[in-house]
Protein backbone atom coordinates (compact mmCIF):
# COMPACT_ATOMS: atom_id res chain seq x y z
CA MET A 1 -63.58 138.15 -57.90
CA SER A 2 -63.59 141.56 -59.50
CA GLN A 3 -65.88 142.19 -62.44
CA GLU A 4 -66.05 145.23 -64.65
CA ILE A 5 -68.66 146.30 -67.16
CA ARG A 6 -68.89 149.30 -69.40
CA VAL A 7 -72.22 150.97 -70.03
CA SER A 8 -72.87 153.45 -72.80
CA SER A 9 -76.02 155.23 -73.84
CA ASP A 10 -77.26 157.71 -76.38
CA ALA A 11 -79.63 159.15 -73.77
CA SER A 12 -79.71 162.91 -73.38
CA VAL A 13 -79.80 162.62 -69.58
CA PRO A 14 -76.97 161.41 -67.33
CA ILE A 15 -77.31 157.66 -66.84
CA LYS A 16 -75.14 157.24 -63.73
CA PRO A 17 -77.86 158.66 -61.43
CA LEU A 18 -80.41 156.38 -63.12
CA ILE A 19 -78.24 153.33 -62.51
CA GLU A 20 -77.64 154.37 -58.90
CA SER A 21 -81.38 154.82 -58.41
CA ALA A 22 -82.10 151.42 -59.97
CA ILE A 23 -79.59 149.78 -57.63
CA ARG A 24 -81.16 151.49 -54.60
CA ALA A 25 -84.62 150.37 -55.72
CA GLU A 26 -83.44 146.79 -56.17
CA LEU A 27 -81.84 146.87 -52.71
CA ARG A 28 -85.19 147.99 -51.24
CA MET A 29 -86.94 145.13 -53.03
CA LEU A 30 -84.36 142.65 -51.77
CA ASP A 31 -84.74 143.98 -48.22
CA LEU A 32 -88.51 143.44 -48.43
CA ALA A 33 -88.02 139.93 -49.79
CA LEU A 34 -85.47 139.16 -47.06
CA GLU A 35 -87.90 140.40 -44.40
CA ARG A 36 -90.68 138.19 -45.80
CA THR A 37 -88.37 135.18 -46.01
CA ARG A 38 -87.11 135.65 -42.44
CA LYS A 39 -90.70 135.91 -41.20
CA ARG A 40 -91.61 132.65 -42.95
CA MET A 41 -88.59 130.99 -41.38
CA LEU A 42 -89.60 132.26 -37.93
CA ASP A 43 -93.08 130.87 -38.52
CA PHE A 44 -91.60 127.44 -39.29
CA GLU A 45 -89.29 127.68 -36.27
CA GLY A 46 -92.29 128.40 -34.06
CA MET A 47 -94.37 125.59 -35.56
CA TYR A 48 -91.66 122.97 -35.19
CA GLY A 49 -89.75 124.23 -32.15
CA MET A 50 -86.32 124.33 -33.75
CA ALA A 51 -84.00 126.89 -35.25
CA SER A 52 -83.63 127.04 -38.99
CA LYS A 53 -79.93 126.12 -38.75
CA GLU A 54 -80.85 122.97 -36.83
CA PHE A 55 -83.56 122.14 -39.35
CA GLU A 56 -81.18 122.73 -42.26
CA SER A 57 -78.68 120.29 -40.79
CA LEU A 58 -81.37 117.66 -40.24
CA PHE A 59 -82.90 118.22 -43.67
CA GLU A 60 -79.56 117.96 -45.49
CA SER A 61 -78.76 114.70 -43.71
CA SER A 62 -82.26 113.34 -44.46
CA ASN A 63 -83.09 113.10 -40.76
CA VAL A 64 -86.57 114.61 -41.06
CA ALA A 65 -89.68 113.12 -42.57
CA GLU A 66 -90.63 114.45 -45.98
CA SER A 67 -93.48 116.91 -45.72
CA LEU A 68 -94.67 119.90 -47.67
CA ASP A 69 -93.79 122.19 -44.76
CA PHE A 70 -90.23 120.90 -44.61
CA ILE A 71 -89.79 121.28 -48.36
CA GLU A 72 -91.11 124.85 -48.13
CA TRP A 73 -88.84 125.58 -45.16
CA ALA A 74 -85.83 124.28 -47.06
CA GLY A 75 -86.91 126.47 -49.98
CA GLU A 76 -87.03 129.52 -47.73
CA LEU A 77 -83.50 128.74 -46.52
CA LYS A 78 -82.26 128.56 -50.11
CA THR A 79 -84.13 131.75 -50.97
CA LEU A 80 -82.48 133.50 -48.02
CA GLN A 81 -79.03 132.49 -49.28
CA ILE A 82 -79.77 133.71 -52.81
CA LEU A 83 -81.26 137.01 -51.66
CA ASN A 84 -78.33 137.68 -49.33
CA ALA A 85 -75.84 136.95 -52.13
CA GLN A 86 -77.67 139.30 -54.48
CA ARG A 87 -77.81 142.03 -51.83
CA GLU A 88 -74.10 141.71 -51.09
CA ALA A 89 -73.31 141.87 -54.81
CA LEU A 90 -75.30 145.09 -55.22
CA LEU A 91 -73.76 146.64 -52.11
CA GLY A 92 -70.32 145.94 -53.52
CA ILE A 93 -70.91 147.84 -56.76
CA ARG A 94 -68.78 150.92 -57.30
CA LEU A 95 -69.76 153.27 -60.10
CA ASN A 96 -67.04 155.50 -61.49
């Protein structure tokens, strides 16, 4: 899906470089968040001896006992999906 927005400003400085810089900064923040999330997932994988994909399948089919760790692990999986989607969206931006 293609989206287009128009930005205007009364600023006396060019805003395109500011927007580009803001996008780069947000990408850096997303990369840090992704790194932290992946580390948390690796911690859970090590604690429970299974890959996150395997856990996700078991969790979605209710084949694991409810525990705080499993709820947190599922939350990290969801966070990973959201962060990746946001990163891909920002990488796809073209400024004219």
